[in-house]
N, C-alpha and C. Protein backbone atom coordinates (compact mmCIF):
# COMPACT_ATOMS: atom_id res chain seq x y z
N MET A 1 0.85 -1.17 0.00
CA MET A 1 0.00 0.00 0.00
C MET A 1 0.90 1.24 0.00
N THR A 2 0.58 2.16 -0.84
CA THR A 2 1.37 3.38 -0.89
C THR A 2 0.77 4.43 0.02
N GLU A 3 1.57 5.38 0.37
CA GLU A 3 1.11 6.46 1.23
C GLU A 3 0.12 7.37 0.51
N ALA A 4 0.17 7.38 -0.83
CA ALA A 4 -0.71 8.25 -1.60
C ALA A 4 -2.18 7.84 -1.45
N GLN A 5 -2.44 6.58 -1.11
CA GLN A 5 -3.81 6.13 -0.96
C GLN A 5 -4.44 6.66 0.32
N HIS A 6 -3.63 7.17 1.23
CA HIS A 6 -4.14 7.61 2.51
C HIS A 6 -3.96 9.11 2.74
N GLU A 7 -3.69 9.86 1.70
CA GLU A 7 -3.51 11.30 1.86
C GLU A 7 -4.86 11.96 2.10
N ASP A 8 -4.83 13.11 2.73
CA ASP A 8 -6.08 13.81 3.04
C ASP A 8 -6.57 14.66 1.87
N GLY A 9 -5.78 14.82 0.84
CA GLY A 9 -6.23 15.52 -0.35
C GLY A 9 -6.12 17.03 -0.28
N TYR A 10 -5.41 17.58 0.70
CA TYR A 10 -5.25 19.04 0.79
C TYR A 10 -4.38 19.51 -0.36
N ALA A 11 -4.87 20.40 -1.15
CA ALA A 11 -4.15 20.88 -2.33
C ALA A 11 -2.98 21.76 -1.93
N TRP A 12 -1.89 21.63 -2.66
CA TRP A 12 -0.74 22.50 -2.45
C TRP A 12 -1.08 23.86 -3.02
N THR A 13 -0.91 24.88 -2.21
CA THR A 13 -1.19 26.23 -2.66
C THR A 13 0.09 27.05 -2.57
N TRP A 14 -0.01 28.33 -2.33
CA TRP A 14 1.15 29.22 -2.34
C TRP A 14 1.96 29.12 -1.05
N GLU A 15 1.44 28.53 0.01
CA GLU A 15 2.14 28.51 1.30
C GLU A 15 3.50 27.81 1.25
N PRO A 16 3.62 26.62 0.63
CA PRO A 16 4.95 25.99 0.58
C PRO A 16 5.97 26.82 -0.18
N ALA A 17 5.54 27.47 -1.26
CA ALA A 17 6.47 28.30 -2.03
C ALA A 17 6.96 29.49 -1.21
N VAL A 18 6.06 30.11 -0.47
CA VAL A 18 6.44 31.24 0.38
C VAL A 18 7.35 30.76 1.51
N GLY A 19 7.07 29.59 2.06
CA GLY A 19 7.92 29.04 3.11
C GLY A 19 9.33 28.76 2.61
N ILE A 20 9.44 28.19 1.41
CA ILE A 20 10.76 27.93 0.83
C ILE A 20 11.48 29.24 0.54
N LEU A 21 10.77 30.22 0.01
CA LEU A 21 11.38 31.53 -0.26
C LEU A 21 11.85 32.19 1.02
N ALA A 22 11.06 32.09 2.08
CA ALA A 22 11.45 32.67 3.37
C ALA A 22 12.67 31.96 3.94
N ALA A 23 12.72 30.65 3.81
CA ALA A 23 13.88 29.89 4.32
C ALA A 23 15.14 30.25 3.56
N VAL A 24 15.05 30.35 2.23
CA VAL A 24 16.23 30.72 1.42
C VAL A 24 16.67 32.14 1.75
N SER A 25 15.71 33.04 1.94
CA SER A 25 16.06 34.42 2.31
C SER A 25 16.74 34.48 3.68
N LEU A 26 16.25 33.69 4.62
CA LEU A 26 16.87 33.64 5.93
C LEU A 26 18.29 33.08 5.85
N PHE A 27 18.47 32.01 5.05
CA PHE A 27 19.82 31.47 4.85
C PHE A 27 20.74 32.53 4.25
N ALA A 28 20.24 33.28 3.26
CA ALA A 28 21.06 34.30 2.62
C ALA A 28 21.43 35.41 3.61
N LEU A 29 20.47 35.85 4.40
CA LEU A 29 20.73 36.90 5.38
C LEU A 29 21.77 36.46 6.41
N LEU A 30 21.60 35.26 6.93
CA LEU A 30 22.57 34.76 7.91
C LEU A 30 23.93 34.49 7.28
N ALA A 31 23.95 34.06 6.02
CA ALA A 31 25.23 33.82 5.34
C ALA A 31 26.00 35.12 5.14
N VAL A 32 25.28 36.19 4.79
CA VAL A 32 25.93 37.50 4.62
C VAL A 32 26.52 37.97 5.96
N GLN A 33 25.74 37.87 7.03
CA GLN A 33 26.22 38.32 8.34
C GLN A 33 27.38 37.44 8.83
N ALA A 34 27.25 36.11 8.68
CA ALA A 34 28.32 35.22 9.11
C ALA A 34 29.57 35.40 8.26
N GLY A 35 29.39 35.64 6.97
CA GLY A 35 30.54 35.89 6.10
C GLY A 35 31.29 37.15 6.50
N ARG A 36 30.55 38.20 6.83
CA ARG A 36 31.18 39.43 7.30
C ARG A 36 31.93 39.20 8.61
N SER A 37 31.28 38.49 9.55
CA SER A 37 31.91 38.25 10.85
C SER A 37 33.15 37.38 10.72
N LEU A 38 33.07 36.35 9.88
CA LEU A 38 34.24 35.49 9.67
C LEU A 38 35.37 36.25 8.96
N THR A 39 35.01 37.12 8.04
CA THR A 39 36.03 37.92 7.35
C THR A 39 36.74 38.85 8.32
N LEU A 40 35.98 39.54 9.15
CA LEU A 40 36.60 40.44 10.12
C LEU A 40 37.47 39.65 11.10
N ALA A 41 37.03 38.47 11.49
CA ALA A 41 37.84 37.64 12.39
C ALA A 41 39.10 37.15 11.69
N ALA A 42 38.99 36.84 10.39
CA ALA A 42 40.14 36.32 9.65
C ALA A 42 41.22 37.38 9.44
N VAL A 43 40.83 38.64 9.32
CA VAL A 43 41.82 39.70 9.10
C VAL A 43 42.32 40.30 10.40
N GLY A 44 41.85 39.76 11.53
CA GLY A 44 42.38 40.20 12.82
C GLY A 44 41.58 41.30 13.48
N ALA A 45 40.42 41.63 12.97
CA ALA A 45 39.60 42.68 13.59
C ALA A 45 38.70 42.14 14.68
N GLY A 46 38.68 40.83 14.88
CA GLY A 46 37.84 40.23 15.92
C GLY A 46 36.48 39.85 15.39
N TRP A 47 35.79 39.04 16.17
CA TRP A 47 34.46 38.59 15.80
C TRP A 47 33.44 39.66 16.15
N HIS A 48 32.67 40.09 15.17
CA HIS A 48 31.65 41.12 15.38
C HIS A 48 30.33 40.63 14.81
N TRP A 49 29.30 40.64 15.63
CA TRP A 49 27.95 40.28 15.19
C TRP A 49 27.06 41.48 15.49
N PRO A 50 26.21 41.88 14.57
CA PRO A 50 25.39 43.08 14.79
C PRO A 50 24.31 42.82 15.83
N PRO A 51 23.83 43.87 16.46
CA PRO A 51 22.68 43.70 17.37
C PRO A 51 21.45 43.25 16.58
N SER A 52 20.49 42.64 17.25
CA SER A 52 19.33 42.08 16.56
C SER A 52 18.55 43.13 15.79
N ALA A 53 18.54 44.36 16.25
CA ALA A 53 17.82 45.42 15.55
C ALA A 53 18.46 45.76 14.21
N ALA A 54 19.76 45.53 14.07
CA ALA A 54 20.47 45.87 12.83
C ALA A 54 20.78 44.65 11.99
N LEU A 55 20.26 43.49 12.35
CA LEU A 55 20.59 42.26 11.62
C LEU A 55 20.12 42.32 10.17
N VAL A 56 18.90 42.77 9.96
CA VAL A 56 18.36 42.83 8.60
C VAL A 56 18.81 44.11 7.90
N THR A 57 18.77 45.24 8.61
CA THR A 57 19.06 46.53 7.97
C THR A 57 20.52 46.67 7.58
N SER A 58 21.42 46.00 8.27
CA SER A 58 22.83 46.13 7.92
C SER A 58 23.24 45.25 6.75
N SER A 59 22.40 44.33 6.35
CA SER A 59 22.75 43.42 5.26
C SER A 59 22.93 44.15 3.94
N TRP A 60 22.08 45.15 3.67
CA TRP A 60 22.24 45.91 2.43
C TRP A 60 23.56 46.68 2.43
N GLY A 61 23.94 47.22 3.57
CA GLY A 61 25.24 47.90 3.67
C GLY A 61 26.39 46.95 3.41
N ILE A 62 26.30 45.73 3.88
CA ILE A 62 27.35 44.74 3.63
C ILE A 62 27.40 44.42 2.15
N LEU A 63 26.24 44.24 1.52
CA LEU A 63 26.21 43.91 0.09
C LEU A 63 26.74 45.04 -0.78
N THR A 64 26.66 46.28 -0.30
CA THR A 64 27.19 47.40 -1.09
C THR A 64 28.65 47.69 -0.78
N GLY A 65 29.25 46.93 0.16
CA GLY A 65 30.68 47.06 0.39
C GLY A 65 31.09 47.62 1.74
N ASP A 66 30.16 47.97 2.58
CA ASP A 66 30.48 48.49 3.89
C ASP A 66 30.44 47.36 4.91
N LEU A 67 31.61 46.79 5.23
CA LEU A 67 31.67 45.66 6.15
C LEU A 67 31.34 46.03 7.58
N HIS A 68 31.33 47.29 7.91
CA HIS A 68 31.06 47.72 9.28
C HIS A 68 29.66 48.31 9.43
N ALA A 69 28.78 48.03 8.48
CA ALA A 69 27.40 48.50 8.57
C ALA A 69 26.71 47.81 9.74
N GLY A 70 26.12 48.58 10.60
CA GLY A 70 25.40 48.03 11.75
C GLY A 70 26.27 47.69 12.94
N LEU A 71 27.57 47.90 12.84
CA LEU A 71 28.48 47.61 13.96
C LEU A 71 28.90 48.91 14.63
N ALA A 72 29.22 48.83 15.90
CA ALA A 72 29.63 50.02 16.65
C ALA A 72 31.10 50.36 16.39
N THR A 73 31.90 49.37 15.99
CA THR A 73 33.33 49.59 15.77
C THR A 73 33.62 49.81 14.30
N ALA A 74 34.69 50.47 14.04
CA ALA A 74 35.14 50.69 12.66
C ALA A 74 36.56 50.18 12.53
N GLY A 75 36.93 49.77 11.34
CA GLY A 75 38.28 49.24 11.13
C GLY A 75 38.64 49.27 9.66
N ASP A 76 39.48 48.33 9.24
CA ASP A 76 39.95 48.25 7.86
C ASP A 76 38.79 47.93 6.93
N ARG A 77 38.72 48.64 5.81
CA ARG A 77 37.63 48.44 4.87
C ARG A 77 38.09 47.79 3.57
N GLY A 78 39.24 47.16 3.55
CA GLY A 78 39.77 46.60 2.31
C GLY A 78 39.59 45.11 2.16
N VAL A 79 38.63 44.51 2.82
CA VAL A 79 38.48 43.06 2.78
C VAL A 79 37.11 42.64 2.25
N VAL A 80 36.53 43.43 1.38
CA VAL A 80 35.19 43.16 0.88
C VAL A 80 35.15 41.88 0.04
N GLU A 81 36.17 41.64 -0.77
CA GLU A 81 36.19 40.45 -1.62
C GLU A 81 36.20 39.17 -0.80
N VAL A 82 36.97 39.18 0.28
CA VAL A 82 37.01 38.01 1.16
C VAL A 82 35.64 37.78 1.79
N ALA A 83 34.96 38.85 2.16
CA ALA A 83 33.62 38.72 2.74
C ALA A 83 32.65 38.11 1.74
N TRP A 84 32.74 38.53 0.47
CA TRP A 84 31.88 37.97 -0.55
C TRP A 84 32.13 36.47 -0.72
N VAL A 85 33.38 36.07 -0.74
CA VAL A 85 33.71 34.65 -0.92
C VAL A 85 33.19 33.83 0.26
N ILE A 86 33.42 34.31 1.47
CA ILE A 86 32.97 33.56 2.65
C ILE A 86 31.44 33.53 2.72
N ALA A 87 30.80 34.64 2.48
CA ALA A 87 29.33 34.68 2.53
C ALA A 87 28.72 33.79 1.45
N GLY A 88 29.28 33.84 0.26
CA GLY A 88 28.78 32.98 -0.82
C GLY A 88 28.97 31.51 -0.51
N SER A 89 30.11 31.16 0.05
CA SER A 89 30.37 29.77 0.42
C SER A 89 29.40 29.30 1.50
N LEU A 90 29.15 30.13 2.50
CA LEU A 90 28.21 29.77 3.55
C LEU A 90 26.79 29.62 3.00
N PHE A 91 26.40 30.52 2.11
CA PHE A 91 25.05 30.45 1.53
C PHE A 91 24.88 29.19 0.71
N ILE A 92 25.84 28.87 -0.12
CA ILE A 92 25.75 27.67 -0.95
C ILE A 92 25.76 26.42 -0.09
N ALA A 93 26.60 26.38 0.94
CA ALA A 93 26.63 25.22 1.83
C ALA A 93 25.29 25.04 2.55
N ALA A 94 24.70 26.12 3.03
CA ALA A 94 23.41 26.03 3.72
C ALA A 94 22.31 25.60 2.76
N LEU A 95 22.34 26.10 1.53
CA LEU A 95 21.34 25.73 0.55
C LEU A 95 21.45 24.26 0.15
N VAL A 96 22.67 23.77 -0.03
CA VAL A 96 22.88 22.36 -0.35
C VAL A 96 22.42 21.48 0.81
N ALA A 97 22.75 21.87 2.03
CA ALA A 97 22.34 21.08 3.20
C ALA A 97 20.82 21.05 3.31
N ALA A 98 20.16 22.16 3.08
CA ALA A 98 18.70 22.19 3.16
C ALA A 98 18.08 21.35 2.05
N THR A 99 18.65 21.38 0.86
CA THR A 99 18.14 20.56 -0.24
C THR A 99 18.29 19.08 0.05
N ILE A 100 19.44 18.68 0.56
CA ILE A 100 19.66 17.27 0.90
C ILE A 100 18.70 16.83 2.00
N LEU A 101 18.51 17.66 2.98
CA LEU A 101 17.57 17.34 4.06
C LEU A 101 16.14 17.20 3.52
N ALA A 102 15.74 18.10 2.64
CA ALA A 102 14.39 18.02 2.07
C ALA A 102 14.21 16.77 1.23
N LEU A 103 15.24 16.39 0.48
CA LEU A 103 15.15 15.17 -0.33
C LEU A 103 15.08 13.93 0.54
N ARG A 104 15.80 13.91 1.64
CA ARG A 104 15.74 12.76 2.55
C ARG A 104 14.38 12.65 3.24
N VAL A 105 13.80 13.79 3.59
CA VAL A 105 12.50 13.77 4.26
C VAL A 105 11.42 13.28 3.32
N THR A 106 11.48 13.68 2.06
CA THR A 106 10.44 13.31 1.10
C THR A 106 10.76 12.05 0.32
N ALA A 107 11.81 11.33 0.66
CA ALA A 107 12.22 10.16 -0.12
C ALA A 107 11.15 9.08 -0.12
N GLY A 108 10.48 8.85 0.97
CA GLY A 108 9.47 7.81 1.03
C GLY A 108 8.22 8.12 0.23
N ARG A 109 7.97 9.36 -0.06
CA ARG A 109 6.76 9.74 -0.79
C ARG A 109 6.96 9.77 -2.29
N ARG A 110 8.20 9.64 -2.75
CA ARG A 110 8.46 9.76 -4.17
C ARG A 110 8.17 8.48 -4.95
N PHE A 111 8.27 7.33 -4.31
CA PHE A 111 8.14 6.06 -5.02
C PHE A 111 6.69 5.59 -4.96
N LYS A 112 6.01 5.71 -6.09
CA LYS A 112 4.63 5.30 -6.18
C LYS A 112 4.48 4.39 -7.38
N GLY A 113 3.43 3.59 -7.38
CA GLY A 113 3.19 2.75 -8.53
C GLY A 113 2.93 1.32 -8.12
N MET A 114 3.40 0.38 -8.93
CA MET A 114 3.12 -1.04 -8.73
C MET A 114 3.87 -1.57 -7.52
N ALA A 115 3.24 -2.54 -6.86
CA ALA A 115 3.89 -3.24 -5.77
C ALA A 115 4.84 -4.29 -6.35
N SER A 116 5.89 -4.59 -5.62
CA SER A 116 6.79 -5.64 -6.07
C SER A 116 6.11 -6.99 -5.87
N SER A 117 6.67 -8.03 -6.46
CA SER A 117 6.05 -9.35 -6.33
C SER A 117 6.07 -9.81 -4.88
N GLY A 118 7.11 -9.49 -4.14
CA GLY A 118 7.18 -9.85 -2.72
C GLY A 118 6.12 -9.13 -1.90
N GLN A 119 5.88 -7.85 -2.19
CA GLN A 119 4.86 -7.10 -1.46
C GLN A 119 3.46 -7.64 -1.78
N ALA A 120 3.22 -7.98 -3.05
CA ALA A 120 1.91 -8.52 -3.43
C ALA A 120 1.68 -9.87 -2.78
N GLU A 121 2.70 -10.72 -2.74
CA GLU A 121 2.55 -12.03 -2.10
C GLU A 121 2.30 -11.88 -0.60
N GLN A 122 2.99 -10.95 0.02
CA GLN A 122 2.80 -10.74 1.45
C GLN A 122 1.39 -10.23 1.74
N LEU A 123 0.87 -9.36 0.90
CA LEU A 123 -0.44 -8.78 1.13
C LEU A 123 -1.58 -9.74 0.77
N LEU A 124 -1.45 -10.43 -0.36
CA LEU A 124 -2.55 -11.26 -0.84
C LEU A 124 -2.40 -12.74 -0.52
N GLY A 125 -1.19 -13.24 -0.41
CA GLY A 125 -0.97 -14.66 -0.20
C GLY A 125 -0.81 -15.37 -1.53
N LEU A 126 0.01 -16.39 -1.57
CA LEU A 126 0.33 -17.08 -2.81
C LEU A 126 -0.89 -17.78 -3.40
N GLY A 127 -1.70 -18.41 -2.56
CA GLY A 127 -2.89 -19.10 -3.07
C GLY A 127 -3.87 -18.15 -3.73
N ARG A 128 -4.08 -17.00 -3.14
CA ARG A 128 -5.00 -16.03 -3.71
C ARG A 128 -4.45 -15.46 -5.01
N LEU A 129 -3.15 -15.25 -5.08
CA LEU A 129 -2.54 -14.76 -6.31
C LEU A 129 -2.73 -15.76 -7.45
N ARG A 130 -2.53 -17.05 -7.15
CA ARG A 130 -2.69 -18.07 -8.19
C ARG A 130 -4.15 -18.21 -8.61
N ALA A 131 -5.07 -18.11 -7.66
CA ALA A 131 -6.48 -18.26 -7.98
C ALA A 131 -7.00 -17.11 -8.85
N HIS A 132 -6.45 -15.93 -8.69
CA HIS A 132 -6.92 -14.76 -9.44
C HIS A 132 -5.91 -14.26 -10.46
N ARG A 133 -5.06 -15.13 -10.93
CA ARG A 133 -4.01 -14.68 -11.86
C ARG A 133 -4.56 -14.19 -13.19
N ALA A 134 -5.71 -14.68 -13.62
CA ALA A 134 -6.28 -14.21 -14.88
C ALA A 134 -6.76 -12.77 -14.76
N VAL A 135 -7.16 -12.36 -13.58
CA VAL A 135 -7.60 -10.99 -13.38
C VAL A 135 -6.39 -10.07 -13.20
N ILE A 136 -5.38 -10.58 -12.48
CA ILE A 136 -4.20 -9.76 -12.19
C ILE A 136 -3.37 -9.54 -13.45
N ARG A 137 -3.15 -10.60 -14.23
CA ARG A 137 -2.36 -10.49 -15.47
C ARG A 137 -3.12 -11.14 -16.62
N PRO A 138 -4.12 -10.47 -17.15
CA PRO A 138 -4.91 -11.08 -18.24
C PRO A 138 -4.10 -11.30 -19.51
N ASP A 139 -3.00 -10.57 -19.66
CA ASP A 139 -2.17 -10.76 -20.85
C ASP A 139 -1.39 -12.07 -20.81
N LEU A 140 -1.15 -12.62 -19.63
CA LEU A 140 -0.40 -13.86 -19.51
C LEU A 140 -1.29 -15.07 -19.23
N TYR A 141 -2.35 -14.90 -18.48
CA TYR A 141 -3.17 -16.03 -18.07
C TYR A 141 -4.61 -15.84 -18.53
N ARG A 142 -4.84 -16.02 -19.81
CA ARG A 142 -6.19 -15.89 -20.36
C ARG A 142 -6.99 -17.15 -20.10
N THR A 143 -8.26 -16.97 -19.98
CA THR A 143 -9.16 -18.11 -19.89
C THR A 143 -9.96 -18.18 -21.18
N GLY A 144 -10.27 -19.36 -21.60
CA GLY A 144 -11.06 -19.51 -22.82
C GLY A 144 -10.17 -19.66 -24.05
N ASP A 145 -10.77 -19.38 -25.22
CA ASP A 145 -10.06 -19.56 -26.50
C ASP A 145 -9.03 -18.47 -26.70
N ARG A 146 -7.93 -18.89 -27.25
CA ARG A 146 -6.87 -17.91 -27.58
C ARG A 146 -6.92 -17.66 -29.10
N PRO A 147 -6.73 -16.42 -29.49
CA PRO A 147 -6.79 -16.14 -30.95
C PRO A 147 -5.57 -16.64 -31.68
């Protein structure tokens, strides 16, 4: 028996698409902030994370090249390329991890169709399969005259 036979029939609407878009946007936002923080730590400026009020608003400043947007401290501004590389790597890694997780969660729902011979025998029993073989496979076990 497949899981599709027991679904409740709720139609997929716009909610899953918005949820996926929100998750990807959150991954991108956190990747930009983490990339900036890792870059500043890598160049010796220390680990800096913006306050929660500036988490979203400082992201545009980071994308335009200001690595100290939303931070109280100021320092060297010549490491923008490194920030882009780290932020991009973090974003791609998070996106790949989320995709793999989603594929693993939905793996059982993807395989639909005919039951294997072992599953049919377990469900119906060998005697019942033999007794009804003309109905199950009429192309192989015809009754009556053959043309």
